Each structure stands twice: as structure tokens, then as C-alpha cells.
Amino acid sequence: MNMKSIQEVKRFHEARLMALPDVVSVGIGLNEAGDAAVIVGLARENTATRAHIPQRLEEYPVVVRITGSAKAE
């Protein structure tokens, strides 16, 4: 079994996730259990967008967080 690294999985899916409405970031972090996860940041709650974000990307869990909009200074 050839498992991809979480970095490879993130890179592969990032453009598709970033194209969804209100998605402002895609990163790597930990879920509540302390396992490596793909973290998807939303500017605001969007149930339609959440419906298009899978619970897992390949073997890694996905965590959705409301992060707000990124503001340039």
C-alpha cells in the first residue's frame, strides 16, 4: 500500500476546495483526536459549501473551521 503524505493530498485537492464559495484557506493541522487532518477555513458558515467538502480526503480526516475573512494590512 502506497500511502500519500498529507502534504501531497492537500496539494492535490487544494485548488478544488479553494474554488468553493467562502473557502478562504486550506491547510494542515490536527483534528480533535490529535490526528493529522486537512483543515478547511471558511469565511462564514455556508451549508451549501459544507455539503461539497468531504469528511475525508483519501485517508486523512477533514476539519472545517470558521476563520472569517483574511484581511490585508
Protein backbone atom coordinates (compact mmCIF):
# COMPACT_ATOMS: atom_id res chain seq x y z
CA MET A 1 0.00 0.00 0.00
CA ASN A 2 1.47 3.33 -1.09
CA MET A 3 0.06 5.98 1.23
CA LYS A 4 0.37 9.60 0.10
CA SER A 5 1.66 12.15 2.57
CA ILE A 6 -0.85 14.64 3.92
CA GLN A 7 1.08 17.38 2.09
CA GLU A 8 0.54 15.56 -1.24
CA VAL A 9 -3.16 15.07 -0.51
CA LYS A 10 -3.59 18.75 0.42
CA ARG A 11 -1.80 19.93 -2.73
CA PHE A 12 -3.87 17.61 -4.94
CA HIS A 13 -7.25 18.82 -3.56
CA GLU A 14 -6.43 22.45 -2.66
CA ALA A 15 -7.49 24.19 -5.90
CA ARG A 16 -10.88 22.44 -5.97
CA LEU A 17 -11.54 23.28 -2.32
CA MET A 18 -10.42 26.93 -2.70
CA ALA A 19 -12.85 27.33 -5.62
CA LEU A 20 -15.82 26.67 -3.32
CA PRO A 21 -17.75 29.72 -2.04
CA ASP A 22 -16.49 31.15 1.28
CA VAL A 23 -13.41 28.87 1.44
CA VAL A 24 -10.50 31.14 2.45
CA SER A 25 -7.82 28.61 3.38
CA VAL A 26 -6.73 25.00 3.08
CA GLY A 27 -4.04 23.85 5.46
CA ILE A 28 -2.74 21.01 7.59
CA GLY A 29 -3.32 20.66 11.31
CA LEU A 30 -4.75 18.31 13.90
CA ASN A 31 -8.30 17.17 14.50
CA GLU A 32 -9.83 16.83 17.98
CA ALA A 33 -8.29 13.36 18.36
CA GLY A 34 -4.82 14.74 17.64
CA ASP A 35 -4.57 13.10 14.21
CA ALA A 36 -3.15 14.85 11.14
CA ALA A 37 -6.01 16.46 9.20
CA VAL A 38 -6.69 18.75 6.27
CA ILE A 39 -8.11 21.98 7.69
CA VAL A 40 -10.54 23.96 5.52
CA GLY A 41 -11.20 27.54 6.65
CA LEU A 42 -14.49 29.24 5.80
CA ALA A 43 -15.08 32.98 5.91
CA ARG A 44 -18.56 32.30 7.30
CA GLU A 45 -20.90 29.37 7.79
CA ASN A 46 -22.13 28.11 4.42
CA THR A 47 -24.14 24.89 4.47
CA ALA A 48 -24.08 24.58 0.67
CA THR A 49 -20.27 24.73 0.68
CA ARG A 50 -20.03 22.31 3.62
CA ALA A 51 -22.07 19.82 1.58
CA HIS A 52 -19.26 19.82 -1.04
CA ILE A 53 -16.43 19.32 1.46
CA PRO A 54 -15.81 15.62 2.13
CA GLN A 55 -15.30 14.27 5.65
CA ARG A 56 -12.08 12.60 4.44
CA LEU A 57 -9.59 13.26 1.67
CA GLU A 58 -8.10 9.90 0.88
CA GLU A 59 -7.06 8.50 4.28
CA TYR A 60 -6.98 11.86 6.11
CA PRO A 61 -9.85 13.48 8.03
CA VAL A 62 -11.07 16.94 7.02
CA VAL A 63 -11.89 19.59 9.63
CA VAL A 64 -13.92 22.68 8.68
CA ARG A 65 -13.36 25.80 10.77
CA ILE A 66 -14.99 29.22 10.55
CA THR A 67 -11.98 31.53 10.36
CA GLY A 68 -13.51 34.72 8.99
CA SER A 69 -12.14 36.67 6.05
CA ALA A 70 -8.43 37.27 5.72
CA LYS A 71 -7.70 41.00 5.69
CA ALA A 72 -4.62 42.50 4.09
CA GLU A 73 -2.88 45.24 6.06
